[in-house]
Amino acid sequence: MGMSDVLRSIKSAEQDAEKRLSEAQDEATRIVQDARRKASEAVQQAADASVVSTQKALDDARSKAQGVADTVKADGSKDIEAIQSASESNQSKAVQLIVDALSVE
């Protein structure tokens, strides 16, 4: 093998090495980009899950609060009806007391 063949062989080996290095760098860049994309997707999915969980907790709290409010309203309505009923039944007695008190004077 002559000197020119050796030089060509070295040159060819250098070109092959540069090509492999370039391919390796491209592959490393692709891997990093894929990792960033997957990480971004994971963060977005976690954020979405957090929003859904928070919304569910708020909805549950609203539902429970509405149930308590409905119970209080129903109890209040019963109390109002009882007071109205008692006042209606005592109205004639109150009128009679006033009439009696005015006729005594």
PDB file of N, CA and C in Angstrom:
ATOM      1  N   MET A   1       0.846  -1.149   0.000  1.00  0.00           N
ATOM      2  CA  MET A   1       0.000   0.000   0.000  1.00  0.00           C
ATOM      3  C   MET A   1       0.901   1.223   0.000  1.00  0.00           C
ATOM      4  N   GLY A   2       0.608   2.089  -0.934  1.00  0.00           N
ATOM      5  CA  GLY A   2       1.439   3.280  -1.067  1.00  0.00           C
ATOM      6  C   GLY A   2       0.946   4.382  -0.134  1.00  0.00           C
ATOM      7  N   MET A   3       1.740   5.431  -0.077  1.00  0.00           N
ATOM      8  CA  MET A   3       1.453   6.577   0.783  1.00  0.00           C
ATOM      9  C   MET A   3       0.115   7.204   0.428  1.00  0.00           C
ATOM     10  N   SER A   4      -0.208   7.312  -0.863  1.00  0.00           N
ATOM     11  CA  SER A   4      -1.476   7.922  -1.261  1.00  0.00           C
ATOM     12  C   SER A   4      -2.643   7.041  -0.831  1.00  0.00           C
ATOM     13  N   ASP A   5      -2.448   5.720  -0.897  1.00  0.00           N
ATOM     14  CA  ASP A   5      -3.514   4.824  -0.433  1.00  0.00           C
ATOM     15  C   ASP A   5      -3.727   4.964   1.078  1.00  0.00           C
ATOM     16  N   VAL A   6      -2.654   5.106   1.797  1.00  0.00           N
ATOM     17  CA  VAL A   6      -2.746   5.278   3.251  1.00  0.00           C
ATOM     18  C   VAL A   6      -3.451   6.593   3.562  1.00  0.00           C
ATOM     19  N   LEU A   7      -3.092   7.661   2.844  1.00  0.00           N
ATOM     20  CA  LEU A   7      -3.721   8.960   3.073  1.00  0.00           C
ATOM     21  C   LEU A   7      -5.208   8.921   2.734  1.00  0.00           C
ATOM     22  N   ARG A   8      -5.537   8.251   1.602  1.00  0.00           N
ATOM     23  CA  ARG A   8      -6.946   8.109   1.238  1.00  0.00           C
ATOM     24  C   ARG A   8      -7.704   7.306   2.303  1.00  0.00           C
ATOM     25  N   SER A   9      -7.077   6.301   2.795  1.00  0.00           N
ATOM     26  CA  SER A   9      -7.698   5.466   3.829  1.00  0.00           C
ATOM     27  C   SER A   9      -7.931   6.288   5.102  1.00  0.00           C
ATOM     28  N   ILE A  10      -6.947   7.093   5.475  1.00  0.00           N
ATOM     29  CA  ILE A  10      -7.081   7.954   6.655  1.00  0.00           C
ATOM     30  C   ILE A  10      -8.185   8.976   6.418  1.00  0.00           C
ATOM     31  N   LYS A  11      -8.170   9.585   5.241  1.00  0.00           N
ATOM     32  CA  LYS A  11      -9.186  10.586   4.887  1.00  0.00           C
ATOM     33  C   LYS A  11     -10.581   9.956   4.926  1.00  0.00           C
ATOM     34  N   SER A  12     -10.702   8.756   4.396  1.00  0.00           N
ATOM     35  CA  SER A  12     -11.978   8.048   4.389  1.00  0.00           C
ATOM     36  C   SER A  12     -12.413   7.732   5.820  1.00  0.00           C
ATOM     37  N   ALA A  13     -11.490   7.310   6.647  1.00  0.00           N
ATOM     38  CA  ALA A  13     -11.790   7.008   8.046  1.00  0.00           C
ATOM     39  C   ALA A  13     -12.227   8.276   8.775  1.00  0.00           C
ATOM     40  N   GLU A  14     -11.569   9.409   8.488  1.00  0.00           N
ATOM     41  CA  GLU A  14     -11.942  10.678   9.107  1.00  0.00           C
ATOM     42  C   GLU A  14     -13.355  11.093   8.693  1.00  0.00           C
ATOM     43  N   GLN A  15     -13.666  10.916   7.407  1.00  0.00           N
ATOM     44  CA  GLN A  15     -14.992  11.267   6.913  1.00  0.00           C
ATOM     45  C   GLN A  15     -16.062  10.378   7.557  1.00  0.00           C
ATOM     46  N   ASP A  16     -15.760   9.089   7.664  1.00  0.00           N
ATOM     47  CA  ASP A  16     -16.694   8.164   8.320  1.00  0.00           C
ATOM     48  C   ASP A  16     -16.912   8.563   9.780  1.00  0.00           C
ATOM     49  N   ALA A  17     -15.821   8.940  10.448  1.00  0.00           N
ATOM     50  CA  ALA A  17     -15.913   9.352  11.850  1.00  0.00           C
ATOM     51  C   ALA A  17     -16.726  10.632  11.984  1.00  0.00           C
ATOM     52  N   GLU A  18     -16.508  11.585  11.073  1.00  0.00           N
ATOM     53  CA  GLU A  18     -17.274  12.832  11.102  1.00  0.00           C
ATOM     54  C   GLU A  18     -18.756  12.566  10.841  1.00  0.00           C
ATOM     55  N   LYS A  19     -19.036  11.651   9.923  1.00  0.00           N
ATOM     56  CA  LYS A  19     -20.412  11.295   9.607  1.00  0.00           C
ATOM     57  C   LYS A  19     -21.079  10.655  10.828  1.00  0.00           C
ATOM     58  N   ARG A  20     -20.378   9.724  11.482  1.00  0.00           N
ATOM     59  CA  ARG A  20     -20.923   9.071  12.677  1.00  0.00           C
ATOM     60  C   ARG A  20     -21.127  10.085  13.804  1.00  0.00           C
ATOM     61  N   LEU A  21     -20.190  10.998  13.961  1.00  0.00           N
ATOM     62  CA  LEU A  21     -20.306  12.028  14.977  1.00  0.00           C
ATOM     63  C   LEU A  21     -21.523  12.907  14.698  1.00  0.00           C
ATOM     64  N   SER A  22     -21.704  13.296  13.438  1.00  0.00           N
ATOM     65  CA  SER A  22     -22.849  14.114  13.059  1.00  0.00           C
ATOM     66  C   SER A  22     -24.158  13.363  13.312  1.00  0.00           C
ATOM     67  N   GLU A  23     -24.188  12.093  12.948  1.00  0.00           N
ATOM     68  CA  GLU A  23     -25.384  11.280  13.172  1.00  0.00           C
ATOM     69  C   GLU A  23     -25.663  11.135  14.667  1.00  0.00           C
ATOM     70  N   ALA A  24     -24.604  10.943  15.453  1.00  0.00           N
ATOM     71  CA  ALA A  24     -24.765  10.814  16.904  1.00  0.00           C
ATOM     72  C   ALA A  24     -25.288  12.116  17.503  1.00  0.00           C
ATOM     73  N   GLN A  25     -24.783  13.251  17.013  1.00  0.00           N
ATOM     74  CA  GLN A  25     -25.259  14.542  17.507  1.00  0.00           C
ATOM     75  C   GLN A  25     -26.722  14.763  17.128  1.00  0.00           C
ATOM     76  N   ASP A  26     -27.078  14.384  15.911  1.00  0.00           N
ATOM     77  CA  ASP A  26     -28.475  14.491  15.487  1.00  0.00           C
ATOM     78  C   ASP A  26     -29.379  13.622  16.356  1.00  0.00           C
ATOM     79  N   GLU A  27     -28.922  12.408  16.624  1.00  0.00           N
ATOM     80  CA  GLU A  27     -29.687  11.482  17.460  1.00  0.00           C
ATOM     81  C   GLU A  27     -29.815  12.036  18.891  1.00  0.00           C
ATOM     82  N   ALA A  28     -28.742  12.585  19.428  1.00  0.00           N
ATOM     83  CA  ALA A  28     -28.778  13.173  20.773  1.00  0.00           C
ATOM     84  C   ALA A  28     -29.744  14.349  20.811  1.00  0.00           C
ATOM     85  N   THR A  29     -29.738  15.171  19.789  1.00  0.00           N
ATOM     86  CA  THR A  29     -30.659  16.307  19.710  1.00  0.00           C
ATOM     87  C   THR A  29     -32.102  15.816  19.665  1.00  0.00           C
ATOM     88  N   ARG A  30     -32.340  14.786  18.868  1.00  0.00           N
ATOM     89  CA  ARG A  30     -33.686  14.215  18.758  1.00  0.00           C
ATOM     90  C   ARG A  30     -34.139  13.646  20.098  1.00  0.00           C
ATOM     91  N   ILE A  31     -33.254  12.956  20.788  1.00  0.00           N
ATOM     92  CA  ILE A  31     -33.596  12.369  22.087  1.00  0.00           C
ATOM     93  C   ILE A  31     -33.944  13.467  23.091  1.00  0.00           C
ATOM     94  N   VAL A  32     -33.145  14.532  23.110  1.00  0.00           N
ATOM     95  CA  VAL A  32     -33.404  15.642  24.027  1.00  0.00           C
ATOM     96  C   VAL A  32     -34.744  16.307  23.684  1.00  0.00           C
ATOM     97  N   GLN A  33     -35.011  16.514  22.414  1.00  0.00           N
ATOM     98  CA  GLN A  33     -36.274  17.124  22.000  1.00  0.00           C
ATOM     99  C   GLN A  33     -37.458  16.247  22.398  1.00  0.00           C
ATOM    100  N   ASP A  34     -37.328  14.924  22.182  1.00  0.00           N
ATOM    101  CA  ASP A  34     -38.396  14.004  22.569  1.00  0.00           C
ATOM    102  C   ASP A  34     -38.611  14.028  24.080  1.00  0.00           C
ATOM    103  N   ALA A  35     -37.529  14.073  24.821  1.00  0.00           N
ATOM    104  CA  ALA A  35     -37.630  14.107  26.285  1.00  0.00           C
ATOM    105  C   ALA A  35     -38.320  15.395  26.736  1.00  0.00           C
ATOM    106  N   ARG A  36     -37.966  16.504  26.129  1.00  0.00           N
ATOM    107  CA  ARG A  36     -38.611  17.786  26.479  1.00  0.00           C
ATOM    108  C   ARG A  36     -40.096  17.759  26.142  1.00  0.00           C
ATOM    109  N   ARG A  37     -40.413  17.223  24.983  1.00  0.00           N
ATOM    110  CA  ARG A  37     -41.815  17.143  24.565  1.00  0.00           C
ATOM    111  C   ARG A  37     -42.605  16.260  25.537  1.00  0.00           C
ATOM    112  N   LYS A  38     -42.045  15.101  25.888  1.00  0.00           N
ATOM    113  CA  LYS A  38     -42.736  14.189  26.810  1.00  0.00           C
ATOM    114  C   LYS A  38     -42.876  14.825  28.192  1.00  0.00           C
ATOM    115  N   ALA A  39     -41.855  15.524  28.635  1.00  0.00           N
ATOM    116  CA  ALA A  39     -41.925  16.200  29.934  1.00  0.00           C
ATOM    117  C   ALA A  39     -43.005  17.280  29.908  1.00  0.00           C
ATOM    118  N   SER A  40     -43.061  18.017  28.815  1.00  0.00           N
ATOM    119  CA  SER A  40     -44.078  19.055  28.676  1.00  0.00           C
ATOM    120  C   SER A  40     -45.480  18.441  28.678  1.00  0.00           C
ATOM    121  N   GLU A  41     -45.646  17.336  27.979  1.00  0.00           N
ATOM    122  CA  GLU A  41     -46.933  16.648  27.956  1.00  0.00           C
ATOM    123  C   GLU A  41     -47.303  16.145  29.346  1.00  0.00           C
ATOM    124  N   ALA A  42     -46.324  15.609  30.065  1.00  0.00           N
ATOM    125  CA  ALA A  42     -46.588  15.111  31.420  1.00  0.00           C
ATOM    126  C   ALA A  42     -47.009  16.247  32.339  1.00  0.00           C
ATOM    127  N   VAL A  43     -46.345  17.382  32.230  1.00  0.00           N
ATOM    128  CA  VAL A  43     -46.701  18.542  33.050  1.00  0.00           C
ATOM    129  C   VAL A  43     -48.111  19.009  32.693  1.00  0.00           C
ATOM    130  N   GLN A  44     -48.422  19.052  31.420  1.00  0.00           N
ATOM    131  CA  GLN A  44     -49.757  19.488  30.986  1.00  0.00           C
ATOM    132  C   GLN A  44     -50.830  18.524  31.486  1.00  0.00           C
ATOM    133  N   GLN A  45     -50.553  17.221  31.404  1.00  0.00           N
ATOM    134  CA  GLN A  45     -51.519  16.236  31.888  1.00  0.00           C
ATOM    135  C   GLN A  45     -51.722  16.373  33.393  1.00  0.00           C
ATOM    136  N   ALA A  46     -50.643  16.611  34.124  1.00  0.00           N
ATOM    137  CA  ALA A  46     -50.761  16.803  35.572  1.00  0.00           C
ATOM    138  C   ALA A  46     -51.568  18.056  35.886  1.00  0.00           C
ATOM    139  N   ALA A  47     -51.336  19.118  35.130  1.00  0.00           N
ATOM    140  CA  ALA A  47     -52.091  20.363  35.331  1.00  0.00           C
ATOM    141  C   ALA A  47     -53.568  20.131  35.019  1.00  0.00           C
ATOM    142  N   ASP A  48     -53.845  19.424  33.935  1.00  0.00           N
ATOM    143  CA  ASP A  48     -55.236  19.127  33.577  1.00  0.00           C
ATOM    144  C   ASP A  48     -55.905  18.291  34.664  1.00  0.00           C
ATOM    145  N   ALA A  49     -55.198  17.297  35.169  1.00  0.00           N
ATOM    146  CA  ALA A  49     -55.746  16.446  36.228  1.00  0.00           C
ATOM    147  C   ALA A  49     -55.999  17.256  37.489  1.00  0.00           C
ATOM    148  N   SER A  50     -55.117  18.191  37.763  1.00  0.00           N
ATOM    149  CA  SER A  50     -55.286  19.048  38.936  1.00  0.00           C
ATOM    150  C   SER A  50     -56.525  19.921  38.794  1.00  0.00           C
ATOM    151  N   VAL A  51     -56.738  20.466  37.613  1.00  0.00           N
ATOM    152  CA  VAL A  51     -57.919  21.299  37.363  1.00  0.00           C
ATOM    153  C   VAL A  51     -59.190  20.467  37.525  1.00  0.00           C
ATOM    154  N   VAL A  52     -59.183  19.270  36.983  1.00  0.00           N
ATOM    155  CA  VAL A  52     -60.356  18.394  37.085  1.00  0.00           C
ATOM    156  C   VAL A  52     -60.618  18.050  38.552  1.00  0.00           C
ATOM    157  N   SER A  53     -59.569  17.730  39.283  1.00  0.00           N
ATOM    158  CA  SER A  53     -59.709  17.381  40.697  1.00  0.00           C
ATOM    159  C   SER A  53     -60.231  18.564  41.500  1.00  0.00           C
ATOM    160  N   THR A  54     -59.697  19.743  41.237  1.00  0.00           N
ATOM    161  CA  THR A  54     -60.149  20.948  41.939  1.00  0.00           C
ATOM    162  C   THR A  54     -61.601  21.243  41.614  1.00  0.00           C
ATOM    163  N   GLN A  55     -61.976  21.122  40.354  1.00  0.00           N
ATOM    164  CA  GLN A  55     -63.363  21.368  39.953  1.00  0.00           C
ATOM    165  C   GLN A  55     -64.303  20.377  40.630  1.00  0.00           C
ATOM    166  N   LYS A  56     -63.884  19.120  40.719  1.00  0.00           N
ATOM    167  CA  LYS A  56     -64.714  18.103  41.374  1.00  0.00           C
ATOM    168  C   LYS A  56     -64.876  18.434  42.855  1.00  0.00           C
ATOM    169  N   ALA A  57     -63.796  18.846  43.506  1.00  0.00           N
ATOM    170  CA  ALA A  57     -63.876  19.214  44.924  1.00  0.00           C
ATOM    171  C   ALA A  57     -64.809  20.397  45.127  1.00  0.00           C
ATOM    172  N   LEU A  58     -64.723  21.389  44.242  1.00  0.00           N
ATOM    173  CA  LEU A  58     -65.621  22.547  44.326  1.00  0.00           C
ATOM    174  C   LEU A  58     -67.072  22.141  44.104  1.00  0.00           C
ATOM    175  N   ASP A  59     -67.302  21.292  43.109  1.00  0.00           N
ATOM    176  CA  ASP A  59     -68.659  20.832  42.830  1.00  0.00           C
ATOM    177  C   ASP A  59     -69.232  20.057  44.021  1.00  0.00           C
ATOM    178  N   ASP A  60     -68.394  19.193  44.630  1.00  0.00           N
ATOM    179  CA  ASP A  60     -68.838  18.437  45.806  1.00  0.00           C
ATOM    180  C   ASP A  60     -69.177  19.370  46.959  1.00  0.00           C
ATOM    181  N   ALA A  61     -68.326  20.374  47.174  1.00  0.00           N
ATOM    182  CA  ALA A  61     -68.569  21.335  48.258  1.00  0.00           C
ATOM    183  C   ALA A  61     -69.846  22.120  47.998  1.00  0.00           C
ATOM    184  N   ARG A  62     -70.060  22.549  46.751  1.00  0.00           N
ATOM    185  CA  ARG A  62     -71.287  23.280  46.411  1.00  0.00           C
ATOM    186  C   ARG A  62     -72.521  22.405  46.663  1.00  0.00           C
ATOM    187  N   SER A  63     -72.409  21.152  46.254  1.00  0.00           N
ATOM    188  CA  SER A  63     -73.529  20.229  46.419  1.00  0.00           C
ATOM    189  C   SER A  63     -73.859  20.042  47.898  1.00  0.00           C
ATOM    190  N   LYS A  64     -72.831  19.848  48.717  1.00  0.00           N
ATOM    191  CA  LYS A  64     -73.062  19.678  50.151  1.00  0.00           C
ATOM    192  C   LYS A  64     -73.636  20.954  50.755  1.00  0.00           C
ATOM    193  N   ALA A  65     -73.102  22.101  50.366  1.00  0.00           N
ATOM    194  CA  ALA A  65     -73.599  23.377  50.883  1.00  0.00           C
ATOM    195  C   ALA A  65     -75.050  23.586  50.468  1.00  0.00           C
ATOM    196  N   GLN A  66     -75.395  23.231  49.244  1.00  0.00           N
ATOM    197  CA  GLN A  66     -76.775  23.366  48.779  1.00  0.00           C
ATOM    198  C   GLN A  66     -77.694  22.458  49.579  1.00  0.00           C
ATOM    199  N   GLY A  67     -77.230  21.250  49.890  1.00  0.00           N
ATOM    200  CA  GLY A  67     -78.031  20.328  50.705  1.00  0.00           C
ATOM    201  C   GLY A  67     -78.293  20.900  52.088  1.00  0.00           C
ATOM    202  N   VAL A  68     -77.245  21.467  52.692  1.00  0.00           N
ATOM    203  CA  VAL A  68     -77.408  22.080  54.018  1.00  0.00           C
ATOM    204  C   VAL A  68     -78.362  23.276  53.920  1.00  0.00           C
ATOM    205  N   ALA A  69     -78.190  24.098  52.890  1.00  0.00           N
ATOM    206  CA  ALA A  69     -79.061  25.258  52.711  1.00  0.00           C
ATOM    207  C   ALA A  69     -80.512  24.825  52.517  1.00  0.00           C
ATOM    208  N   ASP A  70     -80.731  23.773  51.749  1.00  0.00           N
ATOM    209  CA  ASP A  70     -82.099  23.276  51.538  1.00  0.00           C
ATOM    210  C   ASP A  70     -82.713  22.781  52.846  1.00  0.00           C
ATOM    211  N   THR A  71     -81.905  22.104  53.661  1.00  0.00           N
ATOM    212  CA  THR A  71     -82.392  21.606  54.951  1.00  0.00           C
ATOM    213  C   THR A  71     -82.765  22.770  55.867  1.00  0.00           C
ATOM    214  N   VAL A  72     -81.890  23.772  55.931  1.00  0.00           N
ATOM    215  CA  VAL A  72     -82.164  24.946  56.764  1.00  0.00           C
ATOM    216  C   VAL A  72     -83.412  25.669  56.267  1.00  0.00           C
ATOM    217  N   LYS A  73     -83.539  25.800  54.967  1.00  0.00           N
ATOM    218  CA  LYS A  73     -84.710  26.469  54.391  1.00  0.00           C
ATOM    219  C   LYS A  73     -85.986  25.703  54.731  1.00  0.00           C
ATOM    220  N   ALA A  74     -85.941  24.373  54.610  1.00  0.00           N
ATOM    221  CA  ALA A  74     -87.114  23.559  54.915  1.00  0.00           C
ATOM    222  C   ALA A  74     -87.480  23.675  56.392  1.00  0.00           C
ATOM    223  N   ASP A  75     -86.463  23.629  57.270  1.00  0.00           N
ATOM    224  CA  ASP A  75     -86.726  23.780  58.706  1.00  0.00           C
ATOM    225  C   ASP A  75     -87.307  25.156  59.003  1.00  0.00           C
ATOM    226  N   GLY A  76     -86.758  26.184  58.362  1.00  0.00           N
ATOM    227  CA  GLY A  76     -87.268  27.549  58.557  1.00  0.00           C
ATOM    228  C   GLY A  76     -88.699  27.681  58.081  1.00  0.00           C
ATOM    229  N   SER A  77     -89.010  27.060  56.948  1.00  0.00           N
ATOM    230  CA  SER A  77     -90.381  27.107  56.422  1.00  0.00           C
ATOM    231  C   SER A  77     -91.347  26.427  57.389  1.00  0.00           C
ATOM    232  N   LYS A  78     -90.936  25.322  57.980  1.00  0.00           N
ATOM    233  CA  LYS A  78     -91.788  24.630  58.960  1.00  0.00           C
ATOM    234  C   LYS A  78     -92.005  25.516  60.182  1.00  0.00           C
ATOM    235  N   ASP A  79     -90.946  26.175  60.636  1.00  0.00           N
ATOM    236  CA  ASP A  79     -91.068  27.070  61.796  1.00  0.00           C
ATOM    237  C   ASP A  79     -92.009  28.229  61.486  1.00  0.00           C
ATOM    238  N   ILE A  80     -91.878  28.793  60.279  1.00  0.00           N
ATOM    239  CA  ILE A  80     -92.748  29.906  59.879  1.00  0.00           C
ATOM    240  C   ILE A  80     -94.203  29.451  59.838  1.00  0.00           C
ATOM    241  N   GLU A  81     -94.445  28.276  59.281  1.00  0.00           N
ATOM    242  CA  GLU A  81     -95.810  27.748  59.222  1.00  0.00           C
ATOM    243  C   GLU A  81     -96.369  27.531  60.628  1.00  0.00           C
ATOM    244  N   ALA A  82     -95.531  27.041  61.522  1.00  0.00           N
ATOM    245  CA  ALA A  82     -95.991  26.804  62.898  1.00  0.00           C
ATOM    246  C   ALA A  82     -96.325  28.126  63.580  1.00  0.00           C
ATOM    247  N   ILE A  83     -95.489  29.144  63.373  1.00  0.00           N
ATOM    248  CA  ILE A  83     -95.745  30.456  63.965  1.00  0.00           C
ATOM    249  C   ILE A  83     -97.020  31.063  63.395  1.00  0.00           C
ATOM    250  N   GLN A  84     -97.196  30.958  62.082  1.00  0.00           N
ATOM    251  CA  GLN A  84     -98.404  31.497  61.449  1.00  0.00           C
ATOM    252  C   GLN A  84     -99.645  30.778  61.957  1.00  0.00           C
ATOM    253  N   SER A  85     -99.544  29.482  62.090  1.00  0.00           N
ATOM    254  CA  SER A  85    -100.687  28.701  62.564  1.00  0.00           C
ATOM    255  C   SER A  85    -101.034  29.083  64.001  1.00  0.00           C
ATOM    256  N   ALA A  86     -99.998  29.224  64.826  1.00  0.00           N
ATOM    257  CA  ALA A  86    -100.227  29.601  66.229  1.00  0.00           C
ATOM    258  C   ALA A  86    -100.797  31.010  66.316  1.00  0.00           C
ATOM    259  N   SER A  87    -100.289  31.916  65.486  1.00  0.00           N
ATOM    260  CA  SER A  87    -100.797  33.289  65.537  1.00  0.00           C
ATOM    261  C   SER A  87    -102.237  33.359  65.058  1.00  0.00           C
ATOM    262  N   GLU A  88    -102.598  32.560  64.075  1.00  0.00           N
ATOM    263  CA  GLU A  88    -103.981  32.545  63.583  1.00  0.00           C
ATOM    264  C   GLU A  88    -104.921  31.994  64.647  1.00  0.00           C
ATOM    265  N   SER A  89    -104.480  30.961  65.336  1.00  0.00           N
ATOM    266  CA  SER A  89    -105.349  30.378  66.356  1.00  0.00           C
ATOM    267  C   SER A  89    -105.451  31.287  67.577  1.00  0.00           C
ATOM    268  N   ASN A  90    -104.433  32.083  67.833  1.00  0.00           N
ATOM    269  CA  ASN A  90    -104.468  32.987  68.985  1.00  0.00           C
ATOM    270  C   ASN A  90    -105.034  34.360  68.639  1.00  0.00           C
ATOM    271  N   GLN A  91    -105.299  34.620  67.370  1.00  0.00           N
ATOM    272  CA  GLN A  91    -105.770  35.942  66.946  1.00  0.00           C
ATOM    273  C   GLN A  91    -107.125  36.274  67.569  1.00  0.00           C
ATOM    274  N   SER A  92    -108.033  35.327  67.552  1.00  0.00           N
ATOM    275  CA  SER A  92    -109.360  35.604  68.107  1.00  0.00           C
ATOM    276  C   SER A  92    -109.279  35.823  69.608  1.00  0.00           C
ATOM    277  N   LYS A  93    -108.410  35.123  70.305  1.00  0.00           N
ATOM    278  CA  LYS A  93    -108.221  35.320  71.746  1.00  0.00           C
ATOM    279  C   LYS A  93    -107.660  36.714  72.014  1.00  0.00           C
ATOM    280  N   ALA A  94    -106.696  37.149  71.169  1.00  0.00           N
ATOM    281  CA  ALA A  94    -106.095  38.468  71.340  1.00  0.00           C
ATOM    282  C   ALA A  94    -107.130  39.564  71.109  1.00  0.00           C
ATOM    283  N   VAL A  95    -107.977  39.402  70.124  1.00  0.00           N
ATOM    284  CA  VAL A  95    -109.026  40.383  69.840  1.00  0.00           C
ATOM    285  C   VAL A  95    -109.991  40.445  71.017  1.00  0.00           C
ATOM    286  N   GLN A  96    -110.338  39.295  71.529  1.00  0.00           N
ATOM    287  CA  GLN A  96    -111.266  39.258  72.660  1.00  0.00           C
ATOM    288  C   GLN A  96    -110.654  39.934  73.882  1.00  0.00           C
ATOM    289  N   LEU A  97    -109.357  39.734  74.130  1.00  0.00           N
ATOM    290  CA  LEU A  97    -108.685  40.378  75.253  1.00  0.00           C
ATOM    291  C   LEU A  97    -108.708  41.900  75.099  1.00  0.00           C
ATOM    292  N   ILE A  98    -108.485  42.383  73.881  1.00  0.00           N
ATOM    293  CA  ILE A  98    -108.493  43.823  73.622  1.00  0.00           C
ATOM    294  C   ILE A  98    -109.908  44.375  73.834  1.00  0.00           C
ATOM    295  N   VAL A  99    -110.898  43.670  73.316  1.00  0.00           N
ATOM    296  CA  VAL A  99    -112.290  44.113  73.464  1.00  0.00           C
ATOM    297  C   VAL A  99    -112.673  44.135  74.951  1.00  0.00           C
ATOM    298  N   ASP A 100    -112.273  43.098  75.669  1.00  0.00           N
ATOM    299  CA  ASP A 100    -112.580  43.039  77.103  1.00  0.00           C
ATOM    300  C   ASP A 100    -111.887  44.165  77.861  1.00  0.00           C
ATOM    301  N   ALA A 101    -110.636  44.430  77.476  1.00  0.00           N
ATOM    302  CA  ALA A 101    -109.882  45.485  78.157  1.00  0.00           C
ATOM    303  C   ALA A 101    -110.491  46.850  77.848  1.00  0.00           C
ATOM    304  N   LEU A 102    -111.017  47.082  76.688  1.00  0.00           N
ATOM    305  CA  LEU A 102    -111.624  48.359  76.341  1.00  0.00           C
ATOM    306  C   LEU A 102    -112.996  48.514  76.984  1.00  0.00           C
ATOM    307  N   SER A 103    -113.706  47.441  77.154  1.00  0.00           N
ATOM    308  CA  SER A 103    -115.033  47.555  77.731  1.00  0.00           C
ATOM    309  C   SER A 103    -114.976  47.696  79.243  1.00  0.00           C
ATOM    310  N   VAL A 104    -113.903  47.349  79.892  1.00  0.00           N
ATOM    311  CA  VAL A 104    -113.736  47.492  81.318  1.00  0.00           C
ATOM    312  C   VAL A 104    -113.492  48.980  81.628  1.00  0.00           C
ATOM    313  N   GLU A 105    -112.874  49.653  80.809  1.00  0.00           N
ATOM    314  CA  GLU A 105    -112.563  51.052  81.051  1.00  0.00           C
ATOM    315  C   GLU A 105    -113.700  51.915  80.865  1.00  0.00           C
TER     316      GLU A 105
END
